[in-house]
Structures are given as C-alpha cells and as structure tokens.
C-alpha cells in the first residue's frame, strides 16, 4: 500500500519534470538554457539546452582550433560562442571588425567585469588589466622607458649577454655530447632571466640550473589558472571544487600567485633599501620608484608589483613561445632556414655580438628576411591566440553585425591566421615571402589583418622590444647551430593566456662549420 502511494506521489513529479524539460528544450532548441535569442547570429554545433558546450568541452585542449573550425564550418567570419558557464561571446576573425574593435571604436570596448575579475589575482591593476584613466596613465609612464636609447644600449646588451651564455655553455656542450635539448624550456629560461634582470634588476640564474625555477613554475600555474577563470564565468563558486575533483587538470592558482607575490615583495623591499643607501639601479622597477600614480602619490609596493609583473609576463612568455614556434617551423622548412642563414652570413660578423649598438642597427636595417620569418611565425602561432572585450554601448560592425550593450566580443588571431578568407588559399602554409612587397621591401599588414601585437591605442608598447629580443636570439642561434626535430613527439599548444608548447620541443643540436 505504501509503495503504491509513493509511486502515485512520484508520478506527477516525474511527468512534471519531463514536461518542463520538453518545454525548455523547445524554447532553447538552438542555444544554452536561459540565454537570449539573437536571430542575426549563427551558433555552430548548438544542441538544445547546452548550446555548444559539448563541442568546446570535448575540444578544450584544442580550443583555438575549435574556434578556427567554427569559422570554417559556418563559412562565416563572425559567429556566437554559446556554452554553459561562460558569457555570451560574439567571435570574429573579420579584419575590418577587429580593427573596428581595437582602433576605430576603441572607447566602446573595454576589458569588462568578467575579464577584470578573472585577471585580478595575477595581473592586479597593471597595464593589461587596467581601463580608462588608470590605463592611460600607466601607458604614458611606461612609454618614457621604452625609448630608442634603452633599446639600443641596455636592452640589447642584456639579450646579447644571455644569448652568448646559452651558445657557449649550453648548446656547444649539447652538440659535443650529441644530447637532445628541450628548446622550449631553454627559451623560457632565456626570456625569464632577461626580463627579470630588466624588470627587477636581479639575476634569477635559471639558465644555470637544469631544474625549472620555482618562480617560473608558480608563474605558469597562475597564468593557466587565470585563463580558466576567464573561460569559466562561475569560477568564484566552482574553482575550489574543480581543483579538489581534478587537481591534475586544473592549476593551483592560489599557491602560484602566493609564490609570485612573495618574490616581488622581497625584491621591492630590497630595492627600496638600496636606493635609500644612494644606489641608482637602471632596471624598470627602480625607474618606476621615481614615478607617481594618477593621484600624484609615490607608487605603493602593490602598484609596483602590478606594473613590473605585467612587464615580465609580457616579455617572458610571448617571446619564448614565439622563438619556440619559430624554430619548430624552421626545423620543418629547411628552405626557409637556409635562406635565413644566408642573410645572417651576409650581414653579421662576430664583432656584432659584442657591440649592442652595432647589432641593433644591423637587425633594424638589414635583417629583412629574419623579420619576415618572425612575422610569419606570429601569424600562425600568435603569442596571445585569443582576446576578449566588453561592449559599453550598442554598435554595428563593418560586416553588419549588431552588437548590444553588455555583449562580450572575441577575436582569435590564431584562427584568423589560418583563415583562407583572410589570408588566401595558402593560409595554413608557413611562407615568410608573403611579407615582402613586389619591390622586395618588408611590408606590414593592417592591425585588423595581423593583430599579433594588438592594435589601436592599446598596441603593444613592447613590440619593438620583443622583436629585438627574438631577432638577437634567432640570428645568433641560426648562425652557429643547426637544429633537428626529434621524431615521434607531439608538438601541441597548452591552453593558457598565451600559446606555450604543452610537451616542449625536443631538438638535437649540430654546430655549423666555420
């Protein structure tokens, strides 16, 4: 009797639940539940109630390719990324749209509350996470430091010094011992040592150790954690649960930030003591210690930490990754490597690598093919593969897309570089020659076409610095060594804010004959 009564009670609940499910599935048949319908947009791979969640969850390790496939499969350059737990995002790879967001209607698109919240723990109020007047002030202050004299002398001297150390103490030995190296890890150490010295004025000496530096390891965890926060709108409620359930998948964000903060705090306090004793260091931290904030007050430790860490993040990761993908491409394209080697032989001698001013001028004026190789690498493997902004007001893009106040917009330089509508039928091919005009001059595409260094008022301040650092490394390494890709390895990217290699890059090293 009791059993029968329980069945009678469960019946209405079950049927009511099924009816509610059916109703919701009918209403949200082409998008995730509780999202508004926008008839002017295409949502690829959408299923009732869950939208495209299944696709992006399945493709999460290859998210950038999933987005590239979305443009291909819809045969459009603009579509909607619709999934549970992430904000409604309008994705585009149309160059005119990208330039509109970055430049022509720049004031309408900001980082947005979701982005700022996700970035805050690591980036603080640094230049990458700042908006409005705070951003303008930081950029103006930083621009005085990124001048030609600093590039030509101090910055170039640091890059040459570390690259000479790599050549003489690491690669020479690897070649003699016929030992395979992880080139990706080596480039991370190179850029980390260089930018910590430029930024904090300290010697991290990660190149002198075979182990990964604790600061670098914590840095990586914090960056991966930041990316997961960006793509998971409900991270304040779910991050702890995800870390508990699958700690091997989700990064230890809190501990990573803790290690980074402790390192920065110790360096800042030490520098304050040195400057109080009359020392005059030339690193970025010391220069900013003489600056004031927008309110005219001396910068606090927290403000200094944010400014300098943003600089280190920008310089260390992006250039290390660009160099790794560059040498991966060179190992797959011997014709390009040979052409680059011939240009280096024609214009560079031993004395250039002991004279910062001389190598700066040669790289700037003579190494055209080296620039083309670097630009082509960034076209296919942009250091920031995906970017996001938030619309402050209604807008209409050049392709007719209607944007509403509160929309999140996304552009994907990774997908854009592989898009045949943008770059032609050979878009997926590595061909540096596309960067030359018919008269043999080096050309630069518009910021909308090639947003590797962002664009508009927020165009990367360190663009020339990153290019210089990369070309110092490229010319020194290709001039002295030949690298061979080891067979059987899975060269793939790791999902993060930038585009690191998931499994490193194993290369064998051979010295070139004099």
Protein backbone atom coordinates (compact mmCIF):
# COMPACT_ATOMS: atom_id res chain seq x y z
CA UNK A 1 0.00 0.00 0.00
CA UNK A 2 2.80 2.44 1.00
CA UNK A 3 4.71 1.54 -2.15
CA UNK A 4 1.70 2.31 -4.29
CA UNK A 5 1.23 5.68 -2.59
CA UNK A 6 4.91 6.57 -3.17
CA UNK A 7 4.52 5.72 -6.86
CA UNK A 8 1.49 7.99 -7.07
CA UNK A 9 3.50 10.81 -5.47
CA UNK A 10 6.48 10.33 -7.75
CA UNK A 11 4.38 10.21 -10.88
CA UNK A 12 3.42 13.91 -11.04
CA UNK A 13 6.96 14.95 -10.16
CA UNK A 14 8.44 12.80 -12.92
CA UNK A 15 5.93 13.85 -15.55
CA UNK A 16 6.17 17.46 -14.45
CA UNK A 17 9.95 17.30 -14.77
CA UNK A 18 9.73 15.76 -18.22
CA UNK A 19 7.21 18.38 -19.29
CA UNK A 20 9.45 21.19 -18.03
CA UNK A 21 12.44 19.65 -19.81
CA UNK A 22 10.47 19.36 -23.02
CA UNK A 23 9.28 22.95 -22.78
CA UNK A 24 12.79 24.27 -22.11
CA UNK A 25 14.22 22.14 -24.91
CA UNK A 26 11.63 23.54 -27.29
CA UNK A 27 12.34 27.14 -26.27
CA UNK A 28 16.14 26.72 -26.13
CA UNK A 29 16.47 24.28 -29.00
CA UNK A 30 19.38 26.12 -30.59
CA UNK A 31 21.23 27.59 -27.62
CA UNK A 32 22.12 27.09 -23.97
CA UNK A 33 19.38 27.47 -21.40
CA UNK A 34 18.40 30.98 -20.25
CA UNK A 35 20.37 32.77 -22.97
CA UNK A 36 18.53 35.31 -25.11
CA UNK A 37 17.77 34.51 -28.73
CA UNK A 38 19.56 36.58 -31.37
CA UNK A 39 18.22 35.77 -34.83
CA UNK A 40 21.06 37.61 -36.55
CA UNK A 41 23.73 35.18 -35.27
CA UNK A 42 24.82 31.67 -36.12
CA UNK A 43 25.71 29.31 -33.25
CA UNK A 44 27.72 26.39 -34.63
CA UNK A 45 27.38 22.92 -33.09
CA UNK A 46 24.43 24.04 -30.90
CA UNK A 47 22.31 21.44 -29.05
CA UNK A 48 19.12 22.05 -27.04
CA UNK A 49 19.73 23.50 -23.57
CA UNK A 50 23.52 23.16 -23.68
CA UNK A 51 24.35 25.20 -26.79
CA UNK A 52 27.86 24.46 -27.98
CA UNK A 53 29.09 23.37 -24.53
CA UNK A 54 29.63 19.78 -25.64
CA UNK A 55 31.87 20.86 -28.52
CA UNK A 56 34.09 23.21 -26.54
CA UNK A 57 34.34 20.83 -23.57
CA UNK A 58 35.40 17.98 -25.86
CA UNK A 59 37.82 20.27 -27.73
CA UNK A 60 39.09 22.14 -24.64
CA UNK A 61 42.73 21.02 -25.11
CA UNK A 62 42.48 22.32 -28.70
CA UNK A 63 40.14 25.24 -28.05
CA UNK A 64 41.80 27.58 -30.55
CA UNK A 65 41.38 25.03 -33.32
CA UNK A 66 37.74 24.52 -32.30
CA UNK A 67 37.15 28.23 -32.83
CA UNK A 68 39.02 28.14 -36.15
CA UNK A 69 36.81 25.21 -37.19
CA UNK A 70 33.74 27.25 -36.24
CA UNK A 71 34.64 29.89 -38.82
CA UNK A 72 35.34 27.18 -41.39
CA UNK A 73 32.22 25.11 -40.75
CA UNK A 74 29.82 28.09 -40.75
CA UNK A 75 31.60 29.64 -43.75
CA UNK A 76 31.38 32.94 -41.88
CA UNK A 77 33.88 35.25 -40.25
CA UNK A 78 31.56 36.00 -37.31
CA UNK A 79 29.58 33.61 -35.11
CA UNK A 80 28.49 33.12 -31.49
CA UNK A 81 30.30 31.06 -28.86
CA UNK A 82 27.43 29.82 -26.70
CA UNK A 83 28.09 27.49 -23.76
CA UNK A 84 27.02 26.98 -20.18
CA UNK A 85 29.09 28.83 -17.51
CA UNK A 86 30.63 31.32 -19.94
CA UNK A 87 29.26 34.70 -21.04
CA UNK A 88 27.59 35.01 -24.44
CA UNK A 89 30.50 35.76 -26.79
CA UNK A 90 30.47 37.05 -30.36
CA UNK A 91 33.58 35.76 -32.13
CA UNK A 92 35.05 37.30 -35.26
CA UNK A 93 38.10 36.99 -37.46
CA UNK A 94 36.99 39.60 -39.98
CA UNK A 95 39.89 42.09 -40.23
CA UNK A 96 37.61 45.12 -40.56
CA UNK A 97 35.75 44.09 -37.40
CA UNK A 98 38.96 43.53 -35.46
CA UNK A 99 40.31 46.93 -36.48
CA UNK A 100 36.98 48.50 -35.54
CA UNK A 101 37.19 47.00 -32.03
CA UNK A 102 40.85 47.85 -31.49
CA UNK A 103 41.06 51.21 -33.19
CA UNK A 104 38.07 52.84 -34.85
CA UNK A 105 35.64 52.46 -31.93
CA UNK A 106 38.22 51.75 -29.25
CA UNK A 107 36.41 53.66 -26.48
CA UNK A 108 33.37 51.36 -26.69
CA UNK A 109 35.29 48.16 -25.89
CA UNK A 110 36.94 47.56 -22.52
CA UNK A 111 38.28 44.54 -20.67
CA UNK A 112 34.95 44.10 -18.91
CA UNK A 113 33.94 42.99 -15.41
CA UNK A 114 34.36 39.26 -16.07
CA UNK A 115 37.82 39.76 -17.56
CA UNK A 116 38.97 42.15 -14.83
CA UNK A 117 37.80 39.81 -12.08
CA UNK A 118 39.49 36.78 -13.64
CA UNK A 119 42.76 38.65 -14.20
CA UNK A 120 42.93 40.49 -10.89
CA UNK A 121 44.81 37.94 -8.74
CA UNK A 122 47.83 37.77 -11.06
CA UNK A 123 47.72 40.99 -13.09
CA UNK A 124 46.31 43.27 -10.38
CA UNK A 125 45.88 46.81 -11.70
CA UNK A 126 48.76 46.53 -14.15
CA UNK A 127 48.56 47.81 -17.71
CA UNK A 128 46.98 44.61 -19.11
CA UNK A 129 44.06 44.73 -16.69
CA UNK A 130 43.57 48.48 -16.42
CA UNK A 131 40.93 50.57 -18.17
CA UNK A 132 40.25 54.26 -18.69
CA UNK A 133 42.37 56.89 -16.99
CA UNK A 134 44.33 54.33 -14.96
CA UNK A 135 45.45 52.62 -18.17
CA UNK A 136 46.28 55.92 -19.90
CA UNK A 137 48.48 57.00 -17.00
CA UNK A 138 50.38 53.71 -16.84
CA UNK A 139 50.93 53.66 -20.58
CA UNK A 140 52.20 57.22 -20.63
CA UNK A 141 54.63 56.50 -17.80
CA UNK A 142 55.87 53.28 -19.38
CA UNK A 143 56.32 54.87 -22.82
CA UNK A 144 59.13 57.07 -21.48
CA UNK A 145 61.11 53.94 -20.60
CA UNK A 146 60.66 52.23 -23.97
CA UNK A 147 62.82 54.68 -25.91
CA UNK A 148 65.42 54.11 -28.61
CA UNK A 149 68.42 54.67 -26.33
CA UNK A 150 67.29 51.97 -23.91
CA UNK A 151 66.64 49.57 -26.78
CA UNK A 152 69.98 50.20 -28.41
CA UNK A 153 72.11 50.03 -25.30
CA UNK A 154 70.73 48.47 -22.10
CA UNK A 155 68.14 46.07 -23.53
CA UNK A 156 70.30 44.81 -26.40
CA UNK A 157 73.27 44.31 -24.05
CA UNK A 158 71.16 42.10 -21.76
CA UNK A 159 69.83 39.99 -24.65
CA UNK A 160 73.30 39.51 -26.17
CA UNK A 161 74.78 38.54 -22.81
CA UNK A 162 72.26 35.79 -22.12
CA UNK A 163 72.32 34.51 -25.69
CA UNK A 164 76.12 34.27 -25.64
CA UNK A 165 75.84 32.30 -22.39
CA UNK A 166 73.36 29.89 -23.99
CA UNK A 167 75.56 29.45 -27.03
CA UNK A 168 78.83 28.89 -25.15
CA UNK A 169 77.66 26.97 -22.07
CA UNK A 170 74.60 25.02 -23.14
CA UNK A 171 74.33 24.48 -26.90
CA UNK A 172 78.06 23.94 -27.54
CA UNK A 173 78.04 21.18 -24.90
CA UNK A 174 74.81 19.66 -26.20
CA UNK A 175 76.31 19.48 -29.69
CA UNK A 176 79.56 17.91 -28.43
CA UNK A 177 77.67 15.33 -26.36
CA UNK A 178 75.09 14.66 -29.07
CA UNK A 179 72.43 15.48 -26.47
CA UNK A 180 68.82 16.36 -27.21
CA UNK A 181 67.56 19.58 -25.62
CA UNK A 182 64.11 20.90 -24.76
CA UNK A 183 64.32 24.08 -26.79
CA UNK A 184 61.03 25.42 -25.41
CA UNK A 185 62.24 25.16 -21.80
CA UNK A 186 65.55 26.78 -22.80
CA UNK A 187 63.83 29.77 -24.40
CA UNK A 188 61.66 30.22 -21.31
CA UNK A 189 64.80 30.41 -19.18
CA UNK A 190 66.39 32.87 -21.61
CA UNK A 191 63.46 35.29 -21.61
CA UNK A 192 62.77 34.88 -17.89
CA UNK A 193 66.37 35.68 -16.93
CA UNK A 194 66.44 38.60 -19.38
CA UNK A 195 63.18 40.18 -18.28
CA UNK A 196 63.67 39.64 -14.57
CA UNK A 197 67.03 41.40 -14.94
CA UNK A 198 65.48 44.24 -16.97
CA UNK A 199 62.40 44.43 -14.77
CA UNK A 200 63.70 43.77 -11.25
CA UNK A 201 67.46 44.19 -11.72
CA UNK A 202 68.19 40.76 -10.24
CA UNK A 203 69.94 37.65 -11.53
CA UNK A 204 67.49 34.75 -11.43
CA UNK A 205 70.11 32.36 -12.95
CA UNK A 206 67.56 29.89 -14.24
CA UNK A 207 69.84 29.21 -17.25
CA UNK A 208 72.47 27.87 -14.86
CA UNK A 209 70.12 25.21 -13.47
CA UNK A 210 68.63 22.18 -15.19
CA UNK A 211 65.58 22.33 -12.93
CA UNK A 212 62.64 24.63 -13.50
CA UNK A 213 62.86 27.77 -11.38
CA UNK A 214 60.20 27.85 -8.59
CA UNK A 215 59.23 31.38 -9.57
CA UNK A 216 58.73 30.27 -13.19
CA UNK A 217 56.70 27.22 -12.14
CA UNK A 218 54.43 29.34 -9.95
CA UNK A 219 54.14 31.93 -12.73
CA UNK A 220 52.94 29.25 -15.16
CA UNK A 221 50.37 27.86 -12.73
CA UNK A 222 48.99 31.34 -12.07
CA UNK A 223 48.68 32.10 -15.79
CA UNK A 224 46.89 28.83 -16.55
CA UNK A 225 44.59 29.49 -13.61
CA UNK A 226 43.83 32.96 -14.94
CA UNK A 227 42.84 31.55 -18.33
CA UNK A 228 40.48 29.01 -16.76
CA UNK A 229 38.89 31.84 -14.80
CA UNK A 230 38.33 33.82 -17.99
CA UNK A 231 36.52 30.97 -19.75
CA UNK A 232 34.55 29.91 -16.64
CA UNK A 233 32.23 32.73 -15.59
CA UNK A 234 31.25 30.88 -12.40
CA UNK A 235 34.85 30.39 -11.21
CA UNK A 236 34.34 32.01 -7.77
CA UNK A 237 31.90 29.20 -6.91
CA UNK A 238 33.45 26.31 -8.85
CA UNK A 239 37.24 26.77 -8.79
CA UNK A 240 37.77 25.11 -5.41
CA UNK A 241 35.53 22.18 -6.36
CA UNK A 242 37.30 21.63 -9.69
CA UNK A 243 40.71 21.74 -8.02
CA UNK A 244 39.54 19.18 -5.45
CA UNK A 245 38.00 16.82 -8.03
CA UNK A 246 40.73 17.02 -10.67
CA UNK A 247 43.88 18.71 -9.33
CA UNK A 248 45.93 17.19 -12.16
CA UNK A 249 43.79 19.10 -14.70
CA UNK A 250 43.16 22.44 -13.01
CA UNK A 251 46.10 24.63 -11.93
CA UNK A 252 46.86 25.63 -8.35
CA UNK A 253 46.07 29.30 -8.87
CA UNK A 254 46.21 30.46 -5.24
CA UNK A 255 49.59 28.93 -4.45
CA UNK A 256 51.05 30.14 -7.75
CA UNK A 257 50.03 33.74 -7.03
CA UNK A 258 51.31 33.42 -3.44
CA UNK A 259 54.82 32.46 -4.63
CA UNK A 260 54.87 35.23 -7.26
CA UNK A 261 53.71 37.86 -4.74
CA UNK A 262 56.34 36.82 -2.18
CA UNK A 263 59.15 37.07 -4.73
CA UNK A 264 58.00 40.50 -5.93
CA UNK A 265 57.57 41.83 -2.36
CA UNK A 266 61.09 40.77 -1.35
CA UNK A 267 62.66 42.36 -4.42
CA UNK A 268 60.77 45.64 -3.96
CA UNK A 269 61.73 45.94 -0.29
CA UNK A 270 65.36 45.18 -1.11
CA UNK A 271 65.38 47.81 -3.85
CA UNK A 272 63.93 50.45 -1.55
CA UNK A 273 66.80 49.83 0.88
CA UNK A 274 69.40 50.02 -1.90
CA UNK A 275 68.02 53.29 -3.23
CA UNK A 276 67.85 54.72 0.31
CA UNK A 277 71.59 53.99 0.54
CA UNK A 278 72.27 56.01 -2.60
CA UNK A 279 72.39 53.28 -5.23
CA UNK A 280 70.93 54.16 -8.67
CA UNK A 281 69.92 50.95 -10.50
CA UNK A 282 68.63 51.20 -14.08
CA UNK A 283 66.03 48.44 -14.05
CA UNK A 284 62.34 49.01 -14.69
CA UNK A 285 61.40 48.69 -11.02
CA UNK A 286 63.84 51.42 -9.99
CA UNK A 287 62.63 53.74 -12.75
CA UNK A 288 59.03 53.37 -11.60
CA UNK A 289 60.05 54.02 -7.99
CA UNK A 290 60.73 57.59 -9.08
CA UNK A 291 57.27 57.84 -10.65
CA UNK A 292 53.94 58.72 -9.05
CA UNK A 293 50.46 57.34 -9.55
CA UNK A 294 47.50 59.18 -11.10
CA UNK A 295 46.83 60.86 -7.74
CA UNK A 296 50.38 62.22 -7.55
CA UNK A 297 51.42 59.82 -4.77
CA UNK A 298 54.56 57.62 -4.81
CA UNK A 299 53.76 54.13 -6.08
CA UNK A 300 52.98 51.60 -3.34
CA UNK A 301 54.52 48.12 -3.24
CA UNK A 302 51.29 46.69 -4.66
CA UNK A 303 51.31 49.16 -7.56
CA UNK A 304 54.98 48.47 -8.29
CA UNK A 305 54.33 44.72 -8.16
CA UNK A 306 51.49 45.00 -10.68
CA UNK A 307 53.42 47.22 -13.10
CA UNK A 308 56.62 45.18 -13.17
CA UNK A 309 54.93 41.76 -13.22
CA UNK A 310 52.81 42.82 -16.18
CA UNK A 311 56.04 43.76 -17.95
CA UNK A 312 57.70 40.41 -17.11
CA UNK A 313 54.60 38.47 -18.20
CA UNK A 314 54.53 40.34 -21.50
CA UNK A 315 58.20 39.86 -22.27
CA UNK A 316 58.97 36.42 -20.87
CA UNK A 317 56.14 34.25 -22.18
CA UNK A 318 55.35 35.80 -25.51
CA UNK A 319 58.90 35.92 -26.84
CA UNK A 320 59.86 32.48 -25.52
CA UNK A 321 56.84 30.97 -27.21
CA UNK A 322 57.39 32.85 -30.45
CA UNK A 323 61.00 31.62 -30.60
CA UNK A 324 59.91 28.05 -29.87
CA UNK A 325 57.29 28.02 -32.61
CA UNK A 326 59.76 29.77 -34.93
CA UNK A 327 62.42 27.08 -34.56
CA UNK A 328 59.75 24.39 -34.86
CA UNK A 329 58.80 25.92 -38.21
CA UNK A 330 62.46 26.24 -39.27
CA UNK A 331 63.02 22.56 -38.46
CA UNK A 332 60.10 21.67 -40.74
CA UNK A 333 61.11 24.07 -43.54
CA UNK A 334 64.82 23.68 -44.39
CA UNK A 335 64.47 26.03 -47.39
CA UNK A 336 63.45 28.87 -45.09
CA UNK A 337 66.21 28.06 -42.61
CA UNK A 338 68.84 28.12 -45.37
CA UNK A 339 67.61 31.44 -46.71
CA UNK A 340 67.70 32.92 -43.20
CA UNK A 341 71.20 31.55 -42.64
CA UNK A 342 72.43 33.15 -45.86
CA UNK A 343 71.06 36.55 -44.82
CA UNK A 344 72.78 36.26 -41.44
CA UNK A 345 76.09 35.31 -43.06
CA UNK A 346 75.86 38.27 -45.39
CA UNK A 347 75.26 40.93 -42.77
CA UNK A 348 76.61 39.72 -39.41
CA UNK A 349 80.10 39.17 -38.07
CA UNK A 350 81.49 38.12 -34.68
CA UNK A 351 82.02 41.70 -33.54
CA UNK A 352 78.31 42.45 -33.80
CA UNK A 353 77.64 40.12 -30.86
CA UNK A 354 79.84 42.18 -28.55
CA UNK A 355 78.54 45.61 -29.64
CA UNK A 356 74.89 46.34 -28.68
CA UNK A 357 74.63 49.47 -30.82
CA UNK A 358 76.04 47.72 -33.89
CA UNK A 359 73.82 44.63 -33.69
CA UNK A 360 70.79 46.85 -33.05
CA UNK A 361 71.41 48.76 -36.28
CA UNK A 362 72.07 45.62 -38.35
CA UNK A 363 68.92 43.91 -37.10
CA UNK A 364 66.85 47.03 -37.66
CA UNK A 365 68.07 47.83 -41.18
CA UNK A 366 69.49 44.67 -42.78
CA UNK A 367 67.73 41.58 -41.44
CA UNK A 368 64.60 41.77 -43.58
CA UNK A 369 64.10 38.04 -44.08
CA UNK A 370 64.61 37.44 -40.36
CA UNK A 371 61.80 39.90 -39.68
CA UNK A 372 59.59 38.11 -42.22
CA UNK A 373 60.26 34.74 -40.55
CA UNK A 374 59.33 36.20 -37.17
CA UNK A 375 56.16 37.85 -38.50
CA UNK A 376 55.09 34.68 -40.28
CA UNK A 377 55.59 32.68 -37.09
CA UNK A 378 53.34 35.08 -35.21
CA UNK A 379 50.73 34.87 -37.95
CA UNK A 380 50.32 31.12 -37.42
CA UNK A 381 51.29 30.97 -33.74
CA UNK A 382 50.32 34.31 -32.15
CA UNK A 383 51.56 34.69 -28.61
CA UNK A 384 48.08 35.79 -27.50
CA UNK A 385 45.86 33.44 -29.52
CA UNK A 386 42.51 34.80 -28.32
CA UNK A 387 41.36 38.16 -26.98
CA UNK A 388 38.15 39.40 -25.39
CA UNK A 389 36.46 42.76 -24.84
CA UNK A 390 33.18 44.03 -23.39
CA UNK A 391 30.85 46.42 -25.23
CA UNK A 392 29.91 49.53 -23.26
CA UNK A 393 27.24 50.51 -25.77
CA UNK A 394 25.36 49.37 -28.87
CA UNK A 395 27.40 49.22 -32.07
CA UNK A 396 27.35 47.95 -35.64
CA UNK A 397 30.48 46.33 -37.04
CA UNK A 398 31.71 46.89 -40.61
CA UNK A 399 30.31 43.49 -41.69
CA UNK A 400 26.87 44.46 -40.41
CA UNK A 401 26.98 42.53 -37.12
CA UNK A 402 24.80 44.22 -34.50
CA UNK A 403 26.44 44.50 -31.06
CA UNK A 404 24.40 45.27 -27.98
CA UNK A 405 25.49 46.90 -24.76
CA UNK A 406 26.92 44.23 -22.45
CA UNK A 407 27.99 41.84 -25.21
CA UNK A 408 31.36 40.14 -24.91
CA UNK A 409 33.29 40.11 -28.17
CA UNK A 410 36.16 37.79 -29.04
CA UNK A 411 38.71 37.83 -31.80
CA UNK A 412 41.11 34.98 -32.42
CA UNK A 413 44.44 35.80 -34.06
CA UNK A 414 45.13 32.03 -34.10
CA UNK A 415 42.00 31.28 -36.11
CA UNK A 416 42.46 34.38 -38.24
CA UNK A 417 45.96 33.35 -39.31
CA UNK A 418 44.58 30.05 -40.65
CA UNK A 419 41.52 31.53 -42.33
CA UNK A 420 41.58 31.33 -46.13
CA UNK A 421 39.13 34.22 -46.47
CA UNK A 422 41.63 36.41 -44.64
CA UNK A 423 45.00 35.12 -45.89
CA UNK A 424 44.16 33.29 -49.12
CA UNK A 425 44.28 29.61 -50.12
CA UNK A 426 47.80 29.14 -48.67
CA UNK A 427 46.79 30.48 -45.24
CA UNK A 428 47.95 27.36 -43.40
CA UNK A 429 51.36 27.33 -45.11
CA UNK A 430 54.47 28.77 -43.49
CA UNK A 431 55.70 31.20 -46.16
CA UNK A 432 57.74 34.22 -44.99
CA UNK A 433 57.84 35.58 -48.55
CA UNK A 434 54.27 36.83 -48.13
CA UNK A 435 55.72 39.65 -46.00
CA UNK A 436 57.51 41.28 -48.95
CA UNK A 437 56.17 43.73 -51.49
CA UNK A 438 56.66 43.25 -55.22
CA UNK A 439 59.71 45.53 -54.98
CA UNK A 440 61.34 43.47 -52.22
CA UNK A 441 60.51 45.77 -49.31
CA UNK A 442 59.27 44.42 -45.99
CA UNK A 443 55.56 45.10 -45.57
CA UNK A 444 53.30 45.24 -42.57
CA UNK A 445 49.69 44.25 -42.70
CA UNK A 446 46.98 46.30 -41.01
CA UNK A 447 46.36 45.75 -37.30
CA UNK A 448 43.00 44.20 -38.16
CA UNK A 449 44.59 41.72 -40.54
CA UNK A 450 47.51 40.85 -38.26
CA UNK A 451 46.73 41.70 -34.61
CA UNK A 452 49.75 39.85 -33.21
CA UNK A 453 50.70 42.94 -31.21
CA UNK A 454 47.13 44.07 -30.56
CA UNK A 455 46.29 47.41 -32.18
CA UNK A 456 44.93 50.91 -31.88
CA UNK A 457 45.67 52.94 -28.73
CA UNK A 458 46.48 49.72 -26.83
CA UNK A 459 49.00 48.45 -29.40
CA UNK A 460 51.80 46.62 -27.60
CA UNK A 461 54.36 49.05 -26.16
CA UNK A 462 56.95 46.28 -26.17
CA UNK A 463 56.52 45.32 -29.82
CA UNK A 464 59.95 46.61 -30.84
CA UNK A 465 61.49 45.13 -27.67
CA UNK A 466 60.03 41.66 -28.31
CA UNK A 467 61.12 41.76 -31.95
CA UNK A 468 64.63 42.81 -30.95
CA UNK A 469 64.91 40.08 -28.32
CA UNK A 470 63.66 37.44 -30.75
CA UNK A 471 65.92 38.50 -33.62
CA UNK A 472 69.02 38.63 -31.40
CA UNK A 473 68.28 35.02 -30.48
CA UNK A 474 67.36 33.90 -34.00
CA UNK A 475 70.45 35.35 -35.64
CA UNK A 476 72.88 34.07 -33.00
CA UNK A 477 71.40 30.56 -32.92
CA UNK A 478 70.94 30.03 -36.67
CA UNK A 479 74.37 31.50 -37.32
CA UNK A 480 76.13 28.97 -35.07
CA UNK A 481 73.85 25.90 -34.94
CA UNK A 482 71.56 23.70 -36.94
CA UNK A 483 68.62 22.14 -35.07
CA UNK A 484 66.88 18.88 -35.98
CA UNK A 485 63.41 17.98 -34.80
CA UNK A 486 63.31 14.70 -32.91
CA UNK A 487 60.80 12.24 -34.40
CA UNK A 488 57.81 10.83 -32.55
CA UNK A 489 56.99 13.84 -30.35
CA UNK A 490 53.62 15.52 -30.01
CA UNK A 491 54.19 19.22 -30.61
CA UNK A 492 51.00 20.91 -29.42
CA UNK A 493 49.94 24.03 -27.57
CA UNK A 494 48.88 24.25 -23.94
CA UNK A 495 45.66 26.10 -23.20
CA UNK A 496 46.65 29.26 -21.34
CA UNK A 497 46.50 33.04 -21.71
CA UNK A 498 49.31 32.74 -24.24
CA UNK A 499 50.43 29.89 -26.53
CA UNK A 500 53.01 27.71 -24.75
CA UNK A 501 54.01 24.28 -26.01
CA UNK A 502 52.30 21.56 -24.00
CA UNK A 503 55.07 18.96 -24.26
CA UNK A 504 58.08 21.13 -25.02
CA UNK A 505 60.18 20.96 -28.18
CA UNK A 506 62.90 18.30 -28.40
CA UNK A 507 65.70 19.24 -30.78
CA UNK A 508 69.16 17.85 -31.45
CA UNK A 509 71.95 20.38 -31.96
CA UNK A 510 74.74 20.44 -34.55
CA UNK A 511 77.46 23.07 -34.75
CA UNK A 512 77.78 24.72 -38.13
CA UNK A 513 81.14 24.51 -39.84
CA UNK A 514 83.14 27.71 -39.74
